[in-house]
C-alpha atoms as a PDB file:
ATOM      1  CA  MET A   1       0.014   0.001   0.023  1.00  0.00           C
ATOM      2  CA  GLU A   2       1.284   3.423  -0.878  1.00  0.00           C
ATOM      3  CA  GLU A   3       2.243   5.620   2.036  1.00  0.00           C
ATOM      4  CA  TYR A   4       0.450   8.549   0.399  1.00  0.00           C
ATOM      5  CA  SER A   5      -2.851   6.636   0.688  1.00  0.00           C
ATOM      6  CA  ARG A   6      -2.238   6.034   4.355  1.00  0.00           C
ATOM      7  CA  ILE A   7      -1.556   9.730   4.874  1.00  0.00           C
ATOM      8  CA  ILE A   8      -4.798  10.715   3.129  1.00  0.00           C
ATOM      9  CA  ILE A   9      -6.811   8.300   5.262  1.00  0.00           C
ATOM     10  CA  GLU A  10      -5.079   9.306   8.510  1.00  0.00           C
ATOM     11  CA  GLU A  11      -5.625  13.000   7.656  1.00  0.00           C
ATOM     12  CA  TYR A  12      -9.357  12.274   7.196  1.00  0.00           C
ATOM     13  CA  CYS A  13      -9.461  10.526  10.592  1.00  0.00           C
ATOM     14  CA  ILE A  14      -7.673  13.382  12.305  1.00  0.00           C
ATOM     15  CA  ASN A  15     -10.099  15.923  10.805  1.00  0.00           C
ATOM     16  CA  HIS A  16     -13.205  13.843  11.694  1.00  0.00           C
ATOM     17  CA  PRO A  17     -12.234  12.281  15.052  1.00  0.00           C
ATOM     18  CA  ARG A  18     -15.657  11.538  16.426  1.00  0.00           C
ATOM     19  CA  THR A  19     -17.192   9.612  13.558  1.00  0.00           C
ATOM     20  CA  LYS A  20     -17.640   5.901  13.249  1.00  0.00           C
ATOM     21  CA  LYS A  21     -16.171   6.050   9.768  1.00  0.00           C
ATOM     22  CA  ALA A  22     -12.966   7.639  11.067  1.00  0.00           C
ATOM     23  CA  GLU A  23     -12.719   5.148  13.931  1.00  0.00           C
ATOM     24  CA  PHE A  24     -13.089   2.232  11.469  1.00  0.00           C
ATOM     25  CA  LEU A  25     -10.586   3.660   8.973  1.00  0.00           C
ATOM     26  CA  TRP A  26      -8.067   4.391  11.721  1.00  0.00           C
ATOM     27  CA  GLU A  27      -8.200   0.737  12.747  1.00  0.00           C
ATOM     28  CA  MET A  28      -7.865  -0.445   9.145  1.00  0.00           C
ATOM     29  CA  VAL A  29      -4.909   1.847   8.389  1.00  0.00           C
ATOM     30  CA  HIS A  30      -3.074   0.606  11.455  1.00  0.00           C
ATOM     31  CA  LEU A  31      -3.790  -2.976  10.461  1.00  0.00           C
ATOM     32  CA  SER A  32      -2.267  -2.189   7.066  1.00  0.00           C
ATOM     33  CA  TYR A  33       1.136  -1.524   8.679  1.00  0.00           C
ATOM     34  CA  ASP A  34       1.268  -5.286   9.477  1.00  0.00           C
ATOM     35  CA  VAL A  35       2.059  -7.117   6.224  1.00  0.00           C
ATOM     36  CA  ALA A  36       0.705 -10.336   7.679  1.00  0.00           C
ATOM     37  CA  CYS A  37      -2.633  -8.826   8.684  1.00  0.00           C
ATOM     38  CA  GLU A  38      -5.816 -10.719   7.834  1.00  0.00           C
ATOM     39  CA  PRO A  39      -8.880  -8.502   8.190  1.00  0.00           C
ATOM     40  CA  GLU A  40     -12.184 -10.111   8.981  1.00  0.00           C
ATOM     41  CA  LEU A  41     -14.808 -10.485   6.210  1.00  0.00           C
ATOM     42  CA  TRP A  42     -17.102  -7.877   7.817  1.00  0.00           C
ATOM     43  CA  GLN A  43     -14.254  -5.368   7.717  1.00  0.00           C
ATOM     44  CA  LEU A  44     -13.644  -5.938   4.026  1.00  0.00           C
ATOM     45  CA  MET A  45     -17.351  -5.616   3.295  1.00  0.00           C
ATOM     46  CA  HIS A  46     -17.664  -2.417   5.310  1.00  0.00           C
ATOM     47  CA  LEU A  47     -14.608  -0.940   3.519  1.00  0.00           C
ATOM     48  CA  SER A  48     -16.193  -1.773   0.175  1.00  0.00           C
ATOM     49  CA  GLN A  49     -19.404  -0.007   1.176  1.00  0.00           C
ATOM     50  CA  LEU A  50     -17.410   3.065   2.246  1.00  0.00           C
ATOM     51  CA  ILE A  51     -15.665   3.152  -1.135  1.00  0.00           C
ATOM     52  CA  LEU A  52     -18.965   3.071  -2.986  1.00  0.00           C
ATOM     53  CA  ARG A  53     -20.328   5.962  -0.924  1.00  0.00           C
ATOM     54  CA  GLU A  54     -17.246   8.116  -0.851  1.00  0.00           C
ATOM     55  CA  LYS A  55     -17.675  11.432  -2.774  1.00  0.00           C
ATOM     56  CA  ASN A  56     -14.121  12.774  -2.293  1.00  0.00           C
ATOM     57  CA  PRO A  57     -12.126  11.327  -5.232  1.00  0.00           C
ATOM     58  CA  GLU A  58      -8.804  11.545  -3.419  1.00  0.00           C
ATOM     59  CA  LEU A  59     -10.074   9.725  -0.369  1.00  0.00           C
ATOM     60  CA  ARG A  60     -11.891   7.159  -2.543  1.00  0.00           C
ATOM     61  CA  GLU A  61      -8.629   6.388  -4.347  1.00  0.00           C
ATOM     62  CA  ALA A  62      -6.860   5.981  -1.012  1.00  0.00           C
ATOM     63  CA  LEU A  63      -9.644   3.655   0.245  1.00  0.00           C
ATOM     64  CA  GLU A  64      -9.383   1.618  -2.975  1.00  0.00           C
ATOM     65  CA  ASP A  65      -5.646   1.285  -2.369  1.00  0.00           C
ATOM     66  CA  LEU A  66      -6.330   0.126   1.184  1.00  0.00           C
ATOM     67  CA  ASP A  67      -8.911  -2.361  -0.104  1.00  0.00           C
ATOM     68  CA  GLU A  68      -6.484  -3.801  -2.638  1.00  0.00           C
ATOM     69  CA  PHE A  69      -3.814  -4.160   0.042  1.00  0.00           C
ATOM     70  CA  MET A  70      -6.217  -5.806   2.480  1.00  0.00           C
ATOM     71  CA  ASN A  71      -7.454  -8.272  -0.152  1.00  0.00           C
ATOM     72  CA  GLY A  72      -3.878  -9.240  -1.095  1.00  0.00           C
ATOM     73  CA  TYR A  73      -3.871  -7.948  -4.686  1.00  0.00           C
END
């Protein structure tokens, strides 16, 4: 996963600290630092839903990068 994508997601989380979305994304980004991480199915599904709903193109691209990394592509 590109570090730039992590930065975009972390920046979103810092700017929206009290949302469930930010809390979830913060967890997922920190999981991504572990190359051997294996997210649960519900986490992958939730991430896919967030990607579909995301209106900010830069954040959507970062979430897609996170999704690809988590799915092992």
